[in-house]
Protein backbone atom coordinates (compact mmCIF):
# COMPACT_ATOMS: atom_id res chain seq x y z
CA MET A 1 82.98 70.28 71.37
CA ARG A 2 85.54 69.43 74.03
CA LYS A 3 88.12 71.94 75.16
CA SER A 4 91.86 71.37 75.33
CA LYS A 5 94.91 73.39 76.25
CA GLN A 6 96.21 75.38 73.26
CA MET A 7 99.83 74.90 72.23
CA THR A 8 101.95 77.91 71.27
CA ILE A 9 102.47 78.06 67.48
CA SER A 10 103.25 80.73 64.91
CA ALA A 11 100.48 82.67 63.19
CA ASP A 12 101.31 81.16 59.78
CA LEU A 13 101.27 77.61 61.11
CA LYS A 14 98.03 78.28 62.98
CA SER A 15 96.39 79.50 59.75
CA GLU A 16 97.58 76.36 57.95
CA LEU A 17 96.34 74.05 60.71
CA LEU A 18 92.96 75.77 60.72
CA GLN A 19 92.57 74.85 57.06
CA TYR A 20 93.45 71.23 57.82
CA GLN A 21 91.04 71.35 60.74
CA ARG A 22 88.25 72.62 58.50
CA ASN A 23 88.94 69.88 55.96
CA GLU A 24 88.74 67.19 58.63
CA ILE A 25 85.45 68.44 60.10
CA THR A 26 84.00 68.86 56.59
CA GLU A 27 84.77 65.24 55.78
CA HIS A 28 83.44 64.13 59.17
CA TYR A 29 80.10 65.82 58.42
CA PHE A 30 80.12 64.38 54.90
CA TYR A 31 80.42 60.81 56.20
CA GLN A 32 77.74 61.48 58.81
CA ARG A 33 75.34 62.70 56.11
CA LEU A 34 76.28 59.83 53.81
CA ILE A 35 75.58 57.18 56.43
CA LYS A 36 71.92 58.28 56.58
CA ASN A 37 71.42 57.22 52.94
CA ILE A 38 73.29 53.89 53.12
CA SER A 39 71.18 50.75 53.59
CA SER A 40 74.03 48.23 53.88
CA GLU A 41 75.02 47.77 57.53
CA LYS A 42 78.53 46.75 56.48
CA ASN A 43 79.04 49.97 54.52
CA ARG A 44 77.52 52.01 57.35
CA GLN A 45 80.02 50.60 59.84
CA VAL A 46 82.97 51.26 57.51
CA LEU A 47 81.87 54.86 56.92
CA LEU A 48 81.24 55.34 60.63
CA LYS A 49 84.83 54.31 61.42
CA ILE A 50 86.20 56.73 58.83
CA SER A 51 83.94 59.50 60.17
CA ARG A 52 85.22 58.99 63.70
CA GLN A 53 88.79 59.00 62.42
CA GLU A 54 88.24 62.34 60.70
CA LEU A 55 86.77 63.80 63.90
CA GLN A 56 89.77 62.56 65.85
CA HIS A 57 92.06 64.34 63.35
CA TYR A 58 90.00 67.49 63.83
CA TYR A 59 90.57 67.41 67.59
CA THR A 60 94.29 66.83 67.06
CA TRP A 61 94.61 70.03 65.03
CA ARG A 62 92.30 71.85 67.45
CA LYS A 63 94.73 71.15 70.27
CA TYR A 64 97.20 73.42 68.49
CA THR A 65 94.81 76.09 67.18
CA GLY A 66 92.54 76.32 70.21
CA ILE A 67 89.66 77.26 67.91
CA ASP A 68 86.44 75.43 67.06
CA ILE A 69 85.69 75.74 63.37
CA GLY A 70 82.74 74.66 61.22
CA PRO A 71 82.75 72.69 57.96
CA ASP A 72 83.31 74.16 54.51
CA ARG A 73 79.68 74.25 53.29
CA TYR A 74 80.65 74.48 49.62
CA LYS A 75 82.87 71.39 49.80
CA LEU A 76 80.32 69.52 51.87
CA TRP A 77 77.53 70.03 49.32
CA LYS A 78 79.90 69.35 46.43
CA TYR A 79 80.82 65.98 47.91
CA LEU A 80 77.20 65.14 48.68
CA ILE A 81 76.14 65.93 45.09
CA LEU A 82 79.04 63.88 43.71
CA ALA A 83 78.02 60.97 45.91
CA ARG A 84 74.44 61.22 44.68
CA VAL A 85 75.47 61.27 41.00
CA PHE A 86 78.56 59.04 40.90
CA GLY A 87 78.20 56.96 44.06
CA PHE A 88 79.90 57.08 47.43
CA THR A 89 82.92 54.92 46.49
CA PHE A 90 83.95 57.28 43.68
CA THR A 91 83.42 60.35 45.86
CA ILE A 92 85.43 58.99 48.80
CA LYS A 93 88.34 58.02 46.57
CA PHE A 94 88.11 61.38 44.80
CA MET A 95 88.39 63.06 48.20
CA GLU A 96 91.41 60.93 49.06
CA LEU A 97 93.14 61.95 45.81
CA SER A 98 92.62 65.61 46.64
CA GLU A 99 94.23 65.03 50.05
CA GLU A 100 97.53 63.69 48.71
CA ALA A 101 99.18 67.12 48.72
CA ALA A 102 97.99 67.70 52.29
CA GLN A 103 99.45 64.36 53.36
CA HIS A 104 102.90 65.41 52.11
CA ARG A 105 102.58 68.60 54.11
CA TYR A 106 101.52 66.62 57.18
CA ALA A 107 104.72 64.60 56.90
CA ALA A 108 106.73 67.85 56.83
CA LEU A 109 105.08 68.91 60.11
CA CYS A 110 106.20 65.82 62.01
CA ASP A 111 109.18 67.56 63.63
CA SER A 112 107.10 70.38 65.12
CA ILE A 113 103.86 68.45 65.62
CA PRO A 114 104.40 64.80 66.68
CA GLU A 115 100.75 63.83 66.08
CA ALA A 116 101.09 64.69 62.37
CA LYS A 117 102.77 61.34 61.75
CA SER A 118 99.83 59.38 63.15
CA ILE A 119 97.46 61.38 60.95
CA VAL A 120 99.59 60.57 57.89
CA ASP A 121 99.50 56.89 58.85
CA ASP A 122 95.72 57.02 59.21
CA GLU A 123 95.24 58.74 55.86
CA ARG A 124 97.57 56.43 53.95
CA ARG A 125 96.86 53.11 55.58
CA HIS A 126 93.83 52.86 57.84
CA GLU A 127 91.38 54.79 55.65
CA ASN A 128 92.53 53.05 52.48
CA GLU A 129 92.02 49.69 54.14
CA LEU A 130 88.54 50.72 55.23
CA ILE A 131 87.64 52.10 51.80
CA GLU A 132 88.55 48.77 50.20
CA LEU A 133 85.88 47.14 52.38
CA LEU A 134 83.11 49.21 50.80
CA ASP A 135 80.74 47.28 48.55
CA GLU A 136 78.66 49.45 46.20
CA ARG A 137 76.09 47.84 43.92
CA ARG A 138 76.85 49.96 40.86
CA LEU A 139 80.51 48.94 40.95
CA ARG A 140 79.57 45.27 41.06
CA TYR A 141 77.70 45.81 37.79
CA LEU A 142 80.38 47.97 36.24
CA GLY A 143 81.07 45.30 33.62
CA SER A 144 77.46 45.52 32.42
CA ILE A 145 77.67 49.32 32.30
CA VAL A 146 80.94 49.17 30.32
CA LEU A 147 79.36 46.71 27.90
CA GLY A 148 76.40 49.01 27.20
CA LEU A 149 78.49 52.16 26.96
CA ASN A 150 81.26 50.74 24.81
CA ASP A 151 78.92 49.03 22.35
CA ALA A 152 76.73 52.13 22.05
CA LEU A 153 79.72 54.39 21.41
CA VAL A 154 81.31 52.14 18.82
CA GLU A 155 78.11 51.13 17.03
CA LEU A 156 76.24 54.44 17.12
CA THR A 157 79.18 56.65 16.17
CA GLY A 158 79.75 54.29 13.26
CA VAL A 159 76.08 54.25 12.28
CA LEU A 160 75.70 58.02 12.52
CA ALA A 161 78.89 58.65 10.57
CA GLY A 162 77.82 56.23 7.85
CA LEU A 163 74.31 57.68 7.63
CA THR A 164 75.57 61.28 7.50
CA LEU A 165 76.83 61.07 3.94
CA ALA A 166 74.39 58.38 2.89
CA LEU A 167 71.30 60.43 3.85
CA GLN A 168 72.54 64.03 4.21
CA ASN A 169 69.45 64.94 6.22
CA THR A 170 69.63 65.43 9.98
CA ASN A 171 66.01 64.38 10.60
CA LEU A 172 66.45 61.15 8.70
CA ILE A 173 69.81 60.50 10.34
CA ALA A 174 68.33 61.07 13.81
CA LEU A 175 65.32 58.84 13.02
CA ALA A 176 67.49 56.02 11.71
CA GLY A 177 69.94 56.44 14.59
CA LEU A 178 67.22 56.30 17.25
CA ILE A 179 65.53 53.25 15.73
CA THR A 180 68.88 51.47 15.42
CA GLY A 181 69.95 52.52 18.91
CA ILE A 182 66.74 51.53 20.70
CA ALA A 183 66.64 48.16 18.96
CA ALA A 184 70.31 47.58 19.78
CA ALA A 185 69.76 48.57 23.45
CA MET A 186 67.00 45.98 23.83
CA SER A 187 69.14 43.40 22.06
CA MET A 188 72.15 44.14 24.28
CA GLY A 189 70.02 43.99 27.41
CA ALA A 190 68.56 40.64 26.39
CA SER A 191 72.01 39.28 25.57
CA GLU A 192 73.38 40.41 28.94
CA TYR A 193 70.43 38.79 30.71
CA LEU A 194 71.05 35.45 28.99
CA ALA A 195 74.80 35.68 29.60
CA LYS A 196 74.35 36.31 33.33
CA LYS A 197 71.76 33.53 33.51
CA LEU A 198 74.38 31.06 32.32
CA GLU A 199 77.08 32.37 34.63
CA GLU A 200 77.43 31.15 38.18
CA SER A 201 77.72 34.49 39.96
CA ASP A 202 75.94 36.59 42.58
CA LYS A 203 74.88 39.16 39.98
CA ASN A 204 71.17 39.47 39.29
CA PRO A 205 70.57 38.84 35.53
CA LEU A 206 67.69 41.32 35.36
CA ARG A 207 69.70 44.04 37.09
CA ALA A 208 72.69 43.39 34.82
CA ALA A 209 70.44 43.59 31.75
CA PHE A 210 68.92 46.84 33.04
CA TYR A 211 72.32 48.48 33.56
CA THR A 212 73.46 47.43 30.08
CA GLY A 213 70.27 48.53 28.34
CA ILE A 214 69.81 51.84 30.15
CA THR A 215 73.45 52.81 29.65
CA TYR A 216 73.09 52.04 25.95
CA LEU A 217 69.90 54.12 25.69
CA PHE A 218 71.35 57.17 27.45
CA THR A 219 74.43 57.04 25.23
CA VAL A 220 72.27 56.81 22.13
CA GLY A 221 70.28 59.84 23.26
CA PHE A 222 73.37 61.99 23.77
CA LEU A 223 74.90 60.96 20.43
CA VAL A 224 71.72 61.57 18.41
CA LEU A 225 70.88 64.88 20.11
CA PRO A 226 73.04 67.08 17.78
CA PHE A 227 71.12 65.77 14.77
CA LEU A 228 67.83 66.71 16.44
CA VAL A 229 68.78 70.33 17.18
CA ILE A 230 71.08 71.21 14.24
CA GLU A 231 70.01 71.22 10.58
CA ASP A 232 73.52 71.14 9.08
CA TYR A 233 74.50 67.45 9.01
CA LEU A 234 78.19 68.27 8.49
CA LEU A 235 78.13 70.25 11.74
CA ALA A 236 75.98 67.77 13.66
CA LEU A 237 78.39 64.87 13.03
CA PRO A 238 81.51 66.45 14.61
CA LEU A 239 79.37 67.61 17.54
CA SER A 240 78.13 64.06 18.01
CA LEU A 241 81.69 62.73 17.89
CA THR A 242 82.78 65.41 20.37
CA THR A 243 79.97 64.28 22.66
CA ALA A 244 81.26 60.72 22.35
CA ILE A 245 84.76 61.82 23.38
CA LEU A 246 83.36 63.70 26.39
CA ILE A 247 81.36 60.65 27.46
CA ILE A 248 84.44 58.47 27.11
CA GLY A 249 86.48 60.96 29.11
CA VAL A 250 83.98 61.29 31.98
CA PHE A 251 83.33 57.57 32.20
CA ASN A 252 86.98 56.57 32.12
CA TYR A 253 87.81 59.16 34.76
CA TYR A 254 85.09 57.61 36.91
CA ILE A 255 86.58 54.14 36.42
CA ALA A 256 90.12 55.42 37.00
CA VAL A 257 89.15 56.90 40.37
CA ALA A 258 86.68 54.26 41.55
CA LYS A 259 88.78 51.24 40.52
CA GLU A 260 92.22 52.89 40.76
CA VAL A 261 93.32 52.07 37.20
CA SER A 262 95.07 54.05 34.48
CA PHE A 263 92.89 56.77 32.91
CA LYS A 264 95.07 57.59 29.89
CA LYS A 265 95.44 54.04 28.59
CA ARG A 266 91.74 53.23 28.79
CA PHE A 267 90.66 56.59 27.40
CA LEU A 268 92.95 56.43 24.36
CA ALA A 269 91.95 52.85 23.56
CA MET A 270 88.22 53.56 23.79
CA ALA A 271 88.38 56.90 21.95
CA GLY A 272 90.60 55.46 19.21
CA LEU A 273 88.22 52.56 18.66
CA SER A 274 85.12 54.76 18.44
CA LEU A 275 86.69 57.36 16.16
CA GLY A 276 88.31 54.68 13.99
CA VAL A 277 84.99 52.93 13.40
CA SER A 278 83.35 56.30 12.71
CA ALA A 279 85.94 57.20 10.09
CA LEU A 280 85.56 53.86 8.31
CA SER A 281 81.76 54.09 8.44
CA PHE A 282 81.84 57.64 7.08
CA LEU A 283 83.87 56.46 4.09
CA LEU A 284 81.64 53.42 3.72
CA GLY A 285 78.55 55.63 3.61
CA LEU A 286 80.17 57.80 0.96
CA GLY A 287 81.17 54.75 -1.07
CA ILE A 288 77.74 53.11 -0.95
CA ARG A 289 76.01 56.37 -1.82
CA THR A 290 78.28 56.83 -4.82
CA LEU A 291 78.02 53.21 -5.91
CA LEU A 292 74.25 53.12 -5.76
CA GLY A 293 73.80 56.65 -7.02
CA VAL A 294 71.30 57.45 -4.27
CA GLU A 295 70.20 61.10 -3.98
CA ILE A 296 67.93 62.18 -1.12
């Protein structure tokens, strides 16, 4: 790395700048690693610009610390794993959220370090503009994923709640839930395929159907799992509903970060709908069982 004349600063400020310096070089290495797995030339160029910007910030802080420092390996691997699981757009915006506190501190350093202002401008304006240029396939099909997830949560929590008192047997509940869920997943996938076929858009109907169907299937699997491993149906049901809430929470946090929308509003609406349908289905199952006098 290039050498530059070190400025005279206090020990406390030097320690603080070293942390900022490490963050910048960590993010630079992250973008460099990420670029290797990106096929889109447009996305590669955007990430390359951000990577160079982070390296420039690193050299700015280095001018004051006079020390070369390596990346934070833990953060680097954490970001790479997040990008693999949730996609690079989510991970980059997640990283930007975590930097907000640092940006406020950068602004406070402007009097003693003139270059801090340009770094703040880069973080708040240039990088955000670049990030908005990113085009990730999974986000283009987010509507299909939401369709599969939302329908699976509402329908399956309702079905499982209704079957719990109607059947009172975890094996039977799991069997009925899986059959219902798999059939519904294929139906939802087919419906999404036909819907996208009729729409004039750049979305591939088969890909949209796949995202809807596979999301539905995974959700069904997670919701039915408690009934497969627990014999007490009255314990399996609340665990299944808890799983539904966790899925809703994780997914809505993903949307909130990736699309920059309100987490709380979407989470409460989705959770309220799923739990409301479950409660009504539970009572319906009890009523039908009583009315028909069915004993299993």
